[in-house]
Amino acid sequence: MPGTYEDHCSQAVLKRAVAALRLYGFYGMNYDSRIVVTDVPHYVISVERCGVTTKLDWPAALPPDYYRKDIASLMNALGKITKSIPWRKTSDSTEPEWIQ
């Protein structure tokens, strides 16, 4: 579903997302950012905290030697949370509004 989607979520949902980021060590994740993500399905998490943005951009389908259980587990945890939010499409662009 290409495009940009957004909606508001409750404090409880936000707290669950923050807890998942901490549980899976998002801010300390080490990964090889030299792997180029092009037009293939990929996972993207971008979090702004205290004015600093931390971004994870990881191809969804990689050879077994590149598989990262920690990244897959984090994505699964966040996926469960985001499925509970009634997203609405705000643009056909896939770039976040602050980049456009």
N, C-alpha and C. Protein backbone atom coordinates (compact mmCIF):
# COMPACT_ATOMS: atom_id res chain seq x y z
N MET A 1 0.85 -1.17 0.00
CA MET A 1 0.00 0.00 0.00
C MET A 1 0.89 1.23 0.00
N PRO A 2 1.40 1.64 -1.15
CA PRO A 2 2.25 2.82 -1.17
C PRO A 2 1.49 4.07 -0.74
N GLY A 3 2.20 4.98 -0.15
CA GLY A 3 1.61 6.24 0.29
C GLY A 3 2.05 6.57 1.70
N THR A 4 1.53 7.68 2.19
CA THR A 4 1.80 8.10 3.56
C THR A 4 0.49 8.01 4.34
N TYR A 5 0.55 7.40 5.48
CA TYR A 5 -0.62 7.19 6.33
C TYR A 5 -0.34 7.78 7.70
N GLU A 6 -1.40 8.24 8.35
CA GLU A 6 -1.22 8.77 9.70
C GLU A 6 -2.52 8.68 10.47
N ASP A 7 -2.42 8.81 11.75
CA ASP A 7 -3.56 8.93 12.64
C ASP A 7 -3.03 9.19 14.04
N HIS A 8 -3.89 9.53 14.92
CA HIS A 8 -3.51 9.75 16.31
C HIS A 8 -3.69 8.45 17.07
N CYS A 9 -2.90 8.28 18.10
CA CYS A 9 -3.07 7.09 18.94
C CYS A 9 -3.12 7.54 20.40
N SER A 10 -3.63 6.67 21.22
CA SER A 10 -3.76 6.98 22.64
C SER A 10 -2.39 6.91 23.33
N GLN A 11 -2.32 7.45 24.51
CA GLN A 11 -1.09 7.38 25.31
C GLN A 11 -0.73 5.93 25.59
N ALA A 12 -1.75 5.08 25.78
CA ALA A 12 -1.49 3.67 26.06
C ALA A 12 -0.80 3.00 24.88
N VAL A 13 -1.23 3.30 23.66
CA VAL A 13 -0.61 2.74 22.46
C VAL A 13 0.82 3.25 22.33
N LEU A 14 1.02 4.53 22.55
CA LEU A 14 2.36 5.11 22.48
C LEU A 14 3.29 4.46 23.51
N LYS A 15 2.79 4.24 24.72
CA LYS A 15 3.60 3.61 25.77
C LYS A 15 3.98 2.19 25.38
N ARG A 16 3.07 1.46 24.73
CA ARG A 16 3.38 0.10 24.27
C ARG A 16 4.48 0.13 23.21
N ALA A 17 4.42 1.10 22.31
CA ALA A 17 5.44 1.22 21.26
C ALA A 17 6.81 1.56 21.87
N VAL A 18 6.83 2.50 22.80
CA VAL A 18 8.09 2.87 23.47
C VAL A 18 8.65 1.67 24.22
N ALA A 19 7.79 0.92 24.89
CA ALA A 19 8.24 -0.27 25.62
C ALA A 19 8.85 -1.30 24.67
N ALA A 20 8.24 -1.47 23.49
CA ALA A 20 8.78 -2.42 22.51
C ALA A 20 10.14 -1.95 22.01
N LEU A 21 10.28 -0.65 21.74
CA LEU A 21 11.57 -0.13 21.29
C LEU A 21 12.66 -0.39 22.33
N ARG A 22 12.32 -0.20 23.58
CA ARG A 22 13.30 -0.44 24.66
C ARG A 22 13.58 -1.93 24.83
N LEU A 23 12.53 -2.75 24.83
CA LEU A 23 12.68 -4.18 25.04
C LEU A 23 13.61 -4.82 24.02
N TYR A 24 13.49 -4.39 22.77
CA TYR A 24 14.31 -4.98 21.71
C TYR A 24 15.57 -4.17 21.41
N GLY A 25 15.87 -3.19 22.25
CA GLY A 25 17.14 -2.46 22.14
C GLY A 25 17.29 -1.64 20.87
N PHE A 26 16.20 -1.02 20.42
CA PHE A 26 16.22 -0.26 19.17
C PHE A 26 17.33 0.78 19.13
N TYR A 27 17.50 1.54 20.19
CA TYR A 27 18.46 2.64 20.17
C TYR A 27 19.92 2.17 20.17
N GLY A 28 20.15 0.93 20.54
CA GLY A 28 21.51 0.41 20.54
C GLY A 28 21.76 -0.65 19.48
N MET A 29 20.79 -0.84 18.57
CA MET A 29 20.94 -1.87 17.54
C MET A 29 22.12 -1.57 16.64
N ASN A 30 22.89 -2.59 16.41
CA ASN A 30 24.00 -2.51 15.49
C ASN A 30 23.61 -3.28 14.24
N TYR A 31 23.68 -2.66 13.11
CA TYR A 31 23.40 -3.39 11.87
C TYR A 31 24.23 -2.79 10.75
N ASP A 32 24.44 -3.58 9.72
CA ASP A 32 25.27 -3.16 8.60
C ASP A 32 24.46 -2.26 7.68
N SER A 33 24.64 -0.96 7.81
CA SER A 33 23.87 0.00 7.02
C SER A 33 24.39 0.10 5.59
N ARG A 34 25.45 -0.66 5.28
CA ARG A 34 25.97 -0.66 3.91
C ARG A 34 25.09 -1.48 2.97
N ILE A 35 24.19 -2.32 3.53
CA ILE A 35 23.28 -3.08 2.70
C ILE A 35 22.30 -2.08 2.10
N VAL A 36 22.32 -1.98 0.78
CA VAL A 36 21.51 -0.98 0.09
C VAL A 36 20.07 -1.46 0.00
N VAL A 37 19.15 -0.63 0.46
CA VAL A 37 17.73 -0.93 0.37
C VAL A 37 17.20 -0.17 -0.84
N THR A 38 16.74 -0.92 -1.82
CA THR A 38 16.21 -0.28 -3.03
C THR A 38 14.72 -0.57 -3.12
N ASP A 39 14.23 -0.81 -4.30
CA ASP A 39 12.79 -1.04 -4.48
C ASP A 39 12.39 -2.46 -4.13
N VAL A 40 12.69 -2.87 -2.94
CA VAL A 40 12.27 -4.18 -2.44
C VAL A 40 11.55 -3.94 -1.13
N PRO A 41 10.68 -4.86 -0.73
CA PRO A 41 10.03 -4.67 0.57
C PRO A 41 11.08 -4.54 1.67
N HIS A 42 10.89 -3.57 2.54
CA HIS A 42 11.82 -3.40 3.63
C HIS A 42 11.11 -2.82 4.84
N TYR A 43 11.75 -3.01 5.98
CA TYR A 43 11.25 -2.50 7.25
C TYR A 43 11.86 -1.12 7.49
N VAL A 44 11.06 -0.19 7.93
CA VAL A 44 11.59 1.13 8.26
C VAL A 44 11.01 1.55 9.60
N ILE A 45 11.88 1.93 10.50
CA ILE A 45 11.45 2.55 11.77
C ILE A 45 12.24 3.84 11.87
N SER A 46 11.54 4.93 12.10
CA SER A 46 12.19 6.21 12.28
C SER A 46 11.59 6.84 13.54
N VAL A 47 12.43 7.09 14.52
CA VAL A 47 11.96 7.61 15.80
C VAL A 47 12.72 8.88 16.13
N GLU A 48 11.97 9.94 16.46
CA GLU A 48 12.61 11.18 16.89
C GLU A 48 12.50 11.28 18.40
N ARG A 49 13.62 11.52 19.04
CA ARG A 49 13.67 11.63 20.50
C ARG A 49 14.63 12.75 20.85
N CYS A 50 14.14 13.75 21.57
CA CYS A 50 14.96 14.90 21.96
C CYS A 50 15.63 15.56 20.75
N GLY A 51 14.90 15.63 19.66
CA GLY A 51 15.40 16.30 18.47
C GLY A 51 16.37 15.48 17.63
N VAL A 52 16.65 14.25 18.03
CA VAL A 52 17.56 13.37 17.29
C VAL A 52 16.75 12.23 16.69
N THR A 53 16.92 11.99 15.38
CA THR A 53 16.20 10.92 14.72
C THR A 53 17.08 9.69 14.58
N THR A 54 16.55 8.56 15.00
CA THR A 54 17.21 7.27 14.84
C THR A 54 16.39 6.50 13.82
N LYS A 55 17.07 5.95 12.80
CA LYS A 55 16.34 5.28 11.73
C LYS A 55 16.94 3.90 11.48
N LEU A 56 16.06 2.94 11.29
CA LEU A 56 16.43 1.59 10.90
C LEU A 56 15.75 1.32 9.57
N ASP A 57 16.52 0.95 8.56
CA ASP A 57 16.00 0.66 7.22
C ASP A 57 16.62 -0.67 6.81
N TRP A 58 15.83 -1.74 6.81
CA TRP A 58 16.38 -3.08 6.67
C TRP A 58 15.56 -3.88 5.66
N PRO A 59 16.22 -4.51 4.67
CA PRO A 59 15.47 -5.32 3.69
C PRO A 59 14.71 -6.45 4.36
N ALA A 60 13.47 -6.68 3.94
CA ALA A 60 12.64 -7.71 4.55
C ALA A 60 13.11 -9.11 4.16
N ALA A 61 13.59 -9.27 2.94
CA ALA A 61 14.02 -10.59 2.47
C ALA A 61 15.52 -10.57 2.23
N LEU A 62 16.24 -11.28 3.06
CA LEU A 62 17.69 -11.35 2.95
C LEU A 62 18.14 -12.80 2.98
N PRO A 63 19.33 -13.09 2.49
CA PRO A 63 19.86 -14.45 2.63
C PRO A 63 19.95 -14.82 4.11
N PRO A 64 19.88 -16.10 4.43
CA PRO A 64 19.89 -16.53 5.85
C PRO A 64 21.02 -15.98 6.68
N ASP A 65 22.21 -15.76 6.09
CA ASP A 65 23.33 -15.25 6.88
C ASP A 65 23.16 -13.78 7.27
N TYR A 66 22.19 -13.09 6.66
CA TYR A 66 21.91 -11.71 7.04
C TYR A 66 20.69 -11.60 7.95
N TYR A 67 19.96 -12.69 8.18
CA TYR A 67 18.74 -12.65 8.98
C TYR A 67 19.06 -12.15 10.39
N ARG A 68 18.25 -11.22 10.86
CA ARG A 68 18.44 -10.67 12.20
C ARG A 68 17.18 -10.92 13.02
N LYS A 69 17.25 -11.87 13.94
CA LYS A 69 16.09 -12.20 14.77
C LYS A 69 15.68 -10.99 15.61
N ASP A 70 16.64 -10.20 16.09
CA ASP A 70 16.29 -9.05 16.92
C ASP A 70 15.48 -8.03 16.12
N ILE A 71 15.87 -7.79 14.86
CA ILE A 71 15.13 -6.84 14.03
C ILE A 71 13.75 -7.40 13.68
N ALA A 72 13.70 -8.67 13.29
CA ALA A 72 12.41 -9.29 12.96
C ALA A 72 11.47 -9.28 14.17
N SER A 73 11.98 -9.55 15.35
CA SER A 73 11.15 -9.56 16.57
C SER A 73 10.62 -8.16 16.88
N LEU A 74 11.47 -7.14 16.73
CA LEU A 74 11.03 -5.77 16.95
C LEU A 74 9.93 -5.40 15.96
N MET A 75 10.14 -5.74 14.70
CA MET A 75 9.13 -5.42 13.68
C MET A 75 7.81 -6.13 13.95
N ASN A 76 7.88 -7.37 14.39
CA ASN A 76 6.65 -8.10 14.71
C ASN A 76 5.92 -7.46 15.88
N ALA A 77 6.66 -7.04 16.90
CA ALA A 77 6.04 -6.40 18.07
C ALA A 77 5.38 -5.08 17.67
N LEU A 78 6.08 -4.27 16.88
CA LEU A 78 5.50 -2.99 16.45
C LEU A 78 4.36 -3.21 15.47
N GLY A 79 4.45 -4.26 14.64
CA GLY A 79 3.37 -4.57 13.71
C GLY A 79 2.07 -4.87 14.42
N LYS A 80 2.14 -5.60 15.52
CA LYS A 80 0.93 -5.90 16.30
C LYS A 80 0.31 -4.62 16.86
N ILE A 81 1.15 -3.69 17.27
CA ILE A 81 0.65 -2.43 17.82
C ILE A 81 0.02 -1.59 16.72
N THR A 82 0.69 -1.46 15.58
CA THR A 82 0.18 -0.59 14.52
C THR A 82 -1.10 -1.12 13.88
N LYS A 83 -1.33 -2.42 13.94
CA LYS A 83 -2.56 -2.98 13.37
C LYS A 83 -3.79 -2.51 14.14
N SER A 84 -3.61 -2.06 15.37
CA SER A 84 -4.74 -1.61 16.18
C SER A 84 -5.11 -0.15 15.92
N ILE A 85 -4.33 0.54 15.08
CA ILE A 85 -4.57 1.96 14.80
C ILE A 85 -5.32 2.10 13.47
N PRO A 86 -6.40 2.88 13.43
CA PRO A 86 -7.16 3.05 12.17
C PRO A 86 -6.49 4.09 11.25
N TRP A 87 -5.47 3.68 10.50
CA TRP A 87 -4.69 4.58 9.65
C TRP A 87 -5.55 5.19 8.55
N ARG A 88 -5.23 6.44 8.19
CA ARG A 88 -5.90 7.09 7.05
C ARG A 88 -4.82 7.61 6.12
N LYS A 89 -5.05 7.44 4.83
CA LYS A 89 -4.07 7.85 3.83
C LYS A 89 -4.10 9.37 3.68
N THR A 90 -2.93 9.98 3.77
CA THR A 90 -2.85 11.44 3.68
C THR A 90 -2.13 11.91 2.42
N SER A 91 -1.46 10.99 1.72
CA SER A 91 -0.71 11.37 0.53
C SER A 91 -0.36 10.13 -0.26
N ASP A 92 -0.16 10.30 -1.57
CA ASP A 92 0.33 9.20 -2.40
C ASP A 92 1.84 9.06 -2.31
N SER A 93 2.49 10.05 -1.72
CA SER A 93 3.95 10.03 -1.58
C SER A 93 4.36 9.03 -0.50
N THR A 94 5.52 8.42 -0.69
CA THR A 94 6.05 7.53 0.32
C THR A 94 7.09 8.23 1.20
N GLU A 95 7.38 9.49 0.91
CA GLU A 95 8.33 10.27 1.71
C GLU A 95 7.58 10.94 2.86
N PRO A 96 8.14 10.92 4.08
CA PRO A 96 7.51 11.63 5.18
C PRO A 96 7.36 13.11 4.87
N GLU A 97 6.37 13.74 5.45
CA GLU A 97 6.05 15.15 5.19
C GLU A 97 7.24 16.07 5.46
N TRP A 98 8.03 15.78 6.52
CA TRP A 98 9.13 16.67 6.87
C TRP A 98 10.28 16.58 5.85
N ILE A 99 10.29 15.57 4.97
CA ILE A 99 11.33 15.46 3.96
C ILE A 99 10.92 16.15 2.66
N GLN A 100 9.64 16.21 2.39
CA GLN A 100 9.14 16.76 1.13
C GLN A 100 9.39 18.23 1.00
